[in-house]
Amino acid sequence: MPATTAPPKPTHHGWPLLAVAVVVGIEALGLAASAIWLIAYQLLGHRPHDPLDAWLVFVFAALMAMGLAFVWRGIRLRRRWSRSPAVLTQLLAVPVGFNACGDGVWWLGVPVIACAVVGLVGLFAPSTTQAFVGD
C-alpha cells in the first residue's frame, strides 16, 4: 500500500498578512517621499538653520525607507526575520502619530496611528503567526 502524502500547505494566509504588507509598504513609500521632499526642499532654495542636520535627516529617512522596503519584501516572502522589525516599526509609529496629533497635525497623525494599529493587529493574527512560523 502506498504511503499517504501530506496535503499541500496553503499559500494564502488571509487578510492579516496582506494588511501587514500593505501597511509596511505604505510606510516605506511615505519615508521615501519624505526623503525626496526634504532634498527637493533644500535644492529649491530653503536654507535650514543647520544644513548638516537637514542632510542627516534626509540620509536617515532614505536609509529607513530602504530598510522598510527590505522588511516589506521579507513579509511578502513570509520570512521569519521580517516580523520583528515590522512590529518595532508599528510600535514606534504609535507615539509618532500621537505626537503629531498633539502638535495640531491630526491629518498626518491619525493615518499614522491607524496604519500602526492595523499593522499590529495583522502581525499578531494567528494566521500571520502560522505564515511566519508554521510554513
C-alpha atoms as a PDB file:
ATOM      1  CA  MET A   1       0.000   0.000   0.000  1.00  0.00           C
ATOM      2  CA  PRO A   2       1.499   3.412  -0.958  1.00  0.00           C
ATOM      3  CA  ALA A   3       2.349   5.865   1.796  1.00  0.00           C
ATOM      4  CA  THR A   4      -0.023   8.734   2.144  1.00  0.00           C
ATOM      5  CA  THR A   5       1.332  12.164   1.457  1.00  0.00           C
ATOM      6  CA  ALA A   6       0.501  15.237   3.466  1.00  0.00           C
ATOM      7  CA  PRO A   7      -1.844  17.698   1.796  1.00  0.00           C
ATOM      8  CA  PRO A   8      -0.124  20.724   0.293  1.00  0.00           C
ATOM      9  CA  LYS A   9       0.179  23.705   2.596  1.00  0.00           C
ATOM     10  CA  PRO A  10      -1.997  26.654   1.661  1.00  0.00           C
ATOM     11  CA  THR A  11      -0.142  29.633   0.274  1.00  0.00           C
ATOM     12  CA  HIS A  12      -2.891  32.099   1.139  1.00  0.00           C
ATOM     13  CA  HIS A  13      -2.966  33.265   4.748  1.00  0.00           C
ATOM     14  CA  GLY A  14      -5.842  35.703   4.619  1.00  0.00           C
ATOM     15  CA  TRP A  15      -6.211  39.409   5.063  1.00  0.00           C
ATOM     16  CA  PRO A  16      -3.933  39.941   8.093  1.00  0.00           C
ATOM     17  CA  LEU A  17      -0.736  39.121   6.200  1.00  0.00           C
ATOM     18  CA  LEU A  18      -1.895  41.209   3.243  1.00  0.00           C
ATOM     19  CA  ALA A  19      -2.746  44.099   5.593  1.00  0.00           C
ATOM     20  CA  VAL A  20       0.730  43.952   7.140  1.00  0.00           C
ATOM     21  CA  ALA A  21       2.350  44.014   3.711  1.00  0.00           C
ATOM     22  CA  VAL A  22       0.221  46.976   2.640  1.00  0.00           C
ATOM     23  CA  VAL A  23       0.935  48.914   5.859  1.00  0.00           C
ATOM     24  CA  VAL A  24       4.700  48.344   5.720  1.00  0.00           C
ATOM     25  CA  GLY A  25       4.681  49.244   2.011  1.00  0.00           C
ATOM     26  CA  ILE A  26       2.809  52.478   2.734  1.00  0.00           C
ATOM     27  CA  GLU A  27       5.269  53.344   5.492  1.00  0.00           C
ATOM     28  CA  ALA A  28       8.265  52.659   3.240  1.00  0.00           C
ATOM     29  CA  LEU A  29       6.778  54.812   0.486  1.00  0.00           C
ATOM     30  CA  GLY A  30       5.984  57.549   2.999  1.00  0.00           C
ATOM     31  CA  LEU A  31       9.562  57.624   4.232  1.00  0.00           C
ATOM     32  CA  ALA A  32      10.877  57.632   0.662  1.00  0.00           C
ATOM     33  CA  ALA A  33       8.556  60.507  -0.226  1.00  0.00           C
ATOM     34  CA  SER A  34       9.707  62.387   2.882  1.00  0.00           C
ATOM     35  CA  ALA A  35      13.355  61.931   1.910  1.00  0.00           C
ATOM     36  CA  ILE A  36      12.670  63.125  -1.633  1.00  0.00           C
ATOM     37  CA  TRP A  37      10.700  66.114  -0.322  1.00  0.00           C
ATOM     38  CA  LEU A  38      13.493  67.027   2.103  1.00  0.00           C
ATOM     39  CA  ILE A  39      16.151  67.016  -0.611  1.00  0.00           C
ATOM     40  CA  ALA A  40      13.943  68.880  -3.081  1.00  0.00           C
ATOM     41  CA  TYR A  41      13.073  71.468  -0.422  1.00  0.00           C
ATOM     42  CA  GLN A  42      16.744  72.177   0.150  1.00  0.00           C
ATOM     43  CA  LEU A  43      17.668  72.154  -3.517  1.00  0.00           C
ATOM     44  CA  LEU A  44      14.874  74.616  -4.320  1.00  0.00           C
ATOM     45  CA  GLY A  45      16.344  77.258  -2.068  1.00  0.00           C
ATOM     46  CA  HIS A  46      15.279  76.615   1.516  1.00  0.00           C
ATOM     47  CA  ARG A  47      18.148  77.336   3.847  1.00  0.00           C
ATOM     48  CA  PRO A  48      17.768  75.458   7.130  1.00  0.00           C
ATOM     49  CA  HIS A  49      19.260  76.747  10.367  1.00  0.00           C
ATOM     50  CA  ASP A  50      21.750  73.866  10.359  1.00  0.00           C
ATOM     51  CA  PRO A  51      22.379  72.393   6.888  1.00  0.00           C
ATOM     52  CA  LEU A  52      24.236  69.387   8.300  1.00  0.00           C
ATOM     53  CA  ASP A  53      21.217  68.402  10.401  1.00  0.00           C
ATOM     54  CA  ALA A  54      18.945  68.732   7.378  1.00  0.00           C
ATOM     55  CA  TRP A  55      21.189  66.471   5.288  1.00  0.00           C
ATOM     56  CA  LEU A  56      21.451  63.938   8.108  1.00  0.00           C
ATOM     57  CA  VAL A  57      17.652  63.799   8.410  1.00  0.00           C
ATOM     58  CA  PHE A  58      17.473  63.214   4.655  1.00  0.00           C
ATOM     59  CA  VAL A  59      20.038  60.393   4.860  1.00  0.00           C
ATOM     60  CA  PHE A  60      18.235  58.830   7.829  1.00  0.00           C
ATOM     61  CA  ALA A  61      14.850  58.946   6.068  1.00  0.00           C
ATOM     62  CA  ALA A  62      16.337  57.459   2.901  1.00  0.00           C
ATOM     63  CA  LEU A  63      18.074  54.635   4.789  1.00  0.00           C
ATOM     64  CA  MET A  64      14.935  53.865   6.779  1.00  0.00           C
ATOM     65  CA  ALA A  65      12.871  53.790   3.584  1.00  0.00           C
ATOM     66  CA  MET A  66      15.305  51.269   2.081  1.00  0.00           C
ATOM     67  CA  GLY A  67      15.249  49.218   5.296  1.00  0.00           C
ATOM     68  CA  LEU A  68      11.456  49.138   5.368  1.00  0.00           C
ATOM     69  CA  ALA A  69      11.387  48.148   1.699  1.00  0.00           C
ATOM     70  CA  PHE A  70      13.646  45.218   2.621  1.00  0.00           C
ATOM     71  CA  VAL A  71      11.292  44.297   5.504  1.00  0.00           C
ATOM     72  CA  TRP A  72       8.300  44.602   3.143  1.00  0.00           C
ATOM     73  CA  ARG A  73       9.956  42.132   0.781  1.00  0.00           C
ATOM     74  CA  GLY A  74      10.601  39.767   3.689  1.00  0.00           C
ATOM     75  CA  ILE A  75       6.947  39.948   4.716  1.00  0.00           C
ATOM     76  CA  ARG A  76       5.785  39.233   1.181  1.00  0.00           C
ATOM     77  CA  LEU A  77       8.098  36.190   1.092  1.00  0.00           C
ATOM     78  CA  ARG A  78       6.977  35.179   4.615  1.00  0.00           C
ATOM     79  CA  ARG A  79      10.473  35.323   6.065  1.00  0.00           C
ATOM     80  CA  ARG A  80      10.516  34.841   9.823  1.00  0.00           C
ATOM     81  CA  TRP A  81      13.126  37.589  10.407  1.00  0.00           C
ATOM     82  CA  SER A  82      10.849  40.278   8.922  1.00  0.00           C
ATOM     83  CA  ARG A  83       8.261  40.109  11.691  1.00  0.00           C
ATOM     84  CA  SER A  84      10.376  41.696  14.453  1.00  0.00           C
ATOM     85  CA  PRO A  85      11.377  44.853  12.543  1.00  0.00           C
ATOM     86  CA  ALA A  86       7.787  45.220  11.353  1.00  0.00           C
ATOM     87  CA  VAL A  87       6.480  45.037  14.947  1.00  0.00           C
ATOM     88  CA  LEU A  88       9.121  47.522  16.096  1.00  0.00           C
ATOM     89  CA  THR A  89       8.176  49.920  13.302  1.00  0.00           C
ATOM     90  CA  GLN A  90       4.495  49.805  14.274  1.00  0.00           C
ATOM     91  CA  LEU A  91       5.325  50.322  17.960  1.00  0.00           C
ATOM     92  CA  LEU A  92       7.417  53.371  17.083  1.00  0.00           C
ATOM     93  CA  ALA A  93       4.718  54.753  14.779  1.00  0.00           C
ATOM     94  CA  VAL A  94       2.095  54.967  17.545  1.00  0.00           C
ATOM     95  CA  PRO A  95       3.832  57.669  19.646  1.00  0.00           C
ATOM     96  CA  VAL A  96       4.881  59.500  16.470  1.00  0.00           C
ATOM     97  CA  GLY A  97       1.220  59.655  15.435  1.00  0.00           C
ATOM     98  CA  PHE A  98       0.094  60.798  18.887  1.00  0.00           C
ATOM     99  CA  ASN A  99       2.786  63.461  18.934  1.00  0.00           C
ATOM    100  CA  ALA A 100       1.656  64.710  15.512  1.00  0.00           C
ATOM    101  CA  CYS A 101      -1.950  64.882  16.730  1.00  0.00           C
ATOM    102  CA  GLY A 102      -0.855  66.757  19.846  1.00  0.00           C
ATOM    103  CA  ASP A 103       1.008  69.283  17.704  1.00  0.00           C
ATOM    104  CA  GLY A 104      -2.099  70.003  15.635  1.00  0.00           C
ATOM    105  CA  VAL A 105      -1.142  67.899  12.622  1.00  0.00           C
ATOM    106  CA  TRP A 106      -4.038  65.468  13.077  1.00  0.00           C
ATOM    107  CA  TRP A 107      -4.346  64.922   9.305  1.00  0.00           C
ATOM    108  CA  LEU A 108      -0.954  63.171   9.480  1.00  0.00           C
ATOM    109  CA  GLY A 109      -1.148  61.689  12.979  1.00  0.00           C
ATOM    110  CA  VAL A 110      -4.457  59.865  12.565  1.00  0.00           C
ATOM    111  CA  PRO A 111      -3.387  57.889   9.449  1.00  0.00           C
ATOM    112  CA  VAL A 112      -0.044  57.038  11.099  1.00  0.00           C
ATOM    113  CA  ILE A 113      -1.836  55.681  14.171  1.00  0.00           C
ATOM    114  CA  ALA A 114      -4.352  53.817  12.002  1.00  0.00           C
ATOM    115  CA  CYS A 115      -1.570  52.192   9.962  1.00  0.00           C
ATOM    116  CA  ALA A 116       0.240  51.187  13.149  1.00  0.00           C
ATOM    117  CA  VAL A 117      -2.857  49.637  14.713  1.00  0.00           C
ATOM    118  CA  VAL A 118      -3.776  47.736  11.535  1.00  0.00           C
ATOM    119  CA  GLY A 119      -0.164  46.588  11.226  1.00  0.00           C
ATOM    120  CA  LEU A 120      -0.002  45.361  14.830  1.00  0.00           C
ATOM    121  CA  VAL A 121      -3.332  43.546  14.562  1.00  0.00           C
ATOM    122  CA  GLY A 122      -2.167  41.901  11.357  1.00  0.00           C
ATOM    123  CA  LEU A 123       1.242  40.981  12.766  1.00  0.00           C
ATOM    124  CA  PHE A 124      -0.255  39.252  15.810  1.00  0.00           C
ATOM    125  CA  ALA A 125      -3.089  37.488  13.991  1.00  0.00           C
ATOM    126  CA  PRO A 126      -2.915  33.681  14.302  1.00  0.00           C
ATOM    127  CA  SER A 127      -2.854  33.225  10.527  1.00  0.00           C
ATOM    128  CA  THR A 128       0.150  35.548  10.247  1.00  0.00           C
ATOM    129  CA  THR A 129       1.934  33.649  13.002  1.00  0.00           C
ATOM    130  CA  GLN A 130       1.275  30.449  11.079  1.00  0.00           C
ATOM    131  CA  ALA A 131       2.579  32.035   7.885  1.00  0.00           C
ATOM    132  CA  PHE A 132       5.861  33.068   9.521  1.00  0.00           C
ATOM    133  CA  VAL A 133       6.409  30.063  11.804  1.00  0.00           C
ATOM    134  CA  GLY A 134       4.247  27.241  10.525  1.00  0.00           C
ATOM    135  CA  ASP A 135       5.397  27.020   6.911  1.00  0.00           C
END
